[in-house]
Amino acid sequence: LFLDEVGELPLNIQKAFLRVLQERRFRPLGSHKEITSDFRLVVATNRNLSQMVAEGRFRDDLLFRLRSFVIELPPLRDRIGDIKELAMHHLAGVCERLKIGLKGLAPEFMEALNSYRWPGNVRELMHAMERAVASALYEHTLHVKHLPAEIRISLARDSLSKKGDTAGSNGQPPKCAEIPLKFKDYRKAMDRRYFLDLMVCANGNVRRACELSGLSRSRFYS
């Protein structure tokens, strides 16, 4: 029996589930007869169950029963070497399910996958590949433009942030003569730089720049 997201079980269900683990007996919903079942249990969670126990949101006796053998799996962002293999595996599955030819991955597409932080881990990667295929249904190769908008926005913001961190003359503080001393002029110059960098990331496409930045089209012309 595989139970995913065990950390999401409400406390009252945890109590009932602990009894099932201890006695190997349960009563199906709507039945008046208990059934004996000899099963092996595998559970998964991305929660810190020890912390949840300390906060009173998870039973300590249930946690002790579940900890017979623990496998710690690092988040996907710490396993960049696995991303391509996982992406290709899910891509093949999606294409087979849709009965279409296997699509290729452009180099910049793979670079984007490796650069993204993947807060949703493998499940988010799976959904991203499905949405990319749906966006490129009649194309042979997946490009960055086929990734979900939230991923492209995150990548663009990270890229602009890194450029801002490395701005200046080799990391040295700018000289006063190089900065407009009036805040209004400085803000205007920084806004202009942001929009120039954004248009570079969007390959000159205003619509895509709006998607990446979350700004309206009217803001670009104001």
Foldseek 3Di string as FASTA:
>chain_A
DEAEAPLPDFPVVLVVVVVCLVQQWDADPPGPDIDHDDDDYHYYHPDDVVVCVVVVGHPPVSVVVNVPDDDDDDFVLVVLVCLVVLLQVLQVVLCVVVVHDRAAEDPQNSVLSNPFNPPVGSVVSSVQSNQLCVQQVPHRYGDPVSGDLVSLLVVLVVVVVVCVCCDDDRNDDDDPVVADPDPVVRVVVVVVVSVVSLCVSVVNDLVSSCSNNVDDSVVVVD
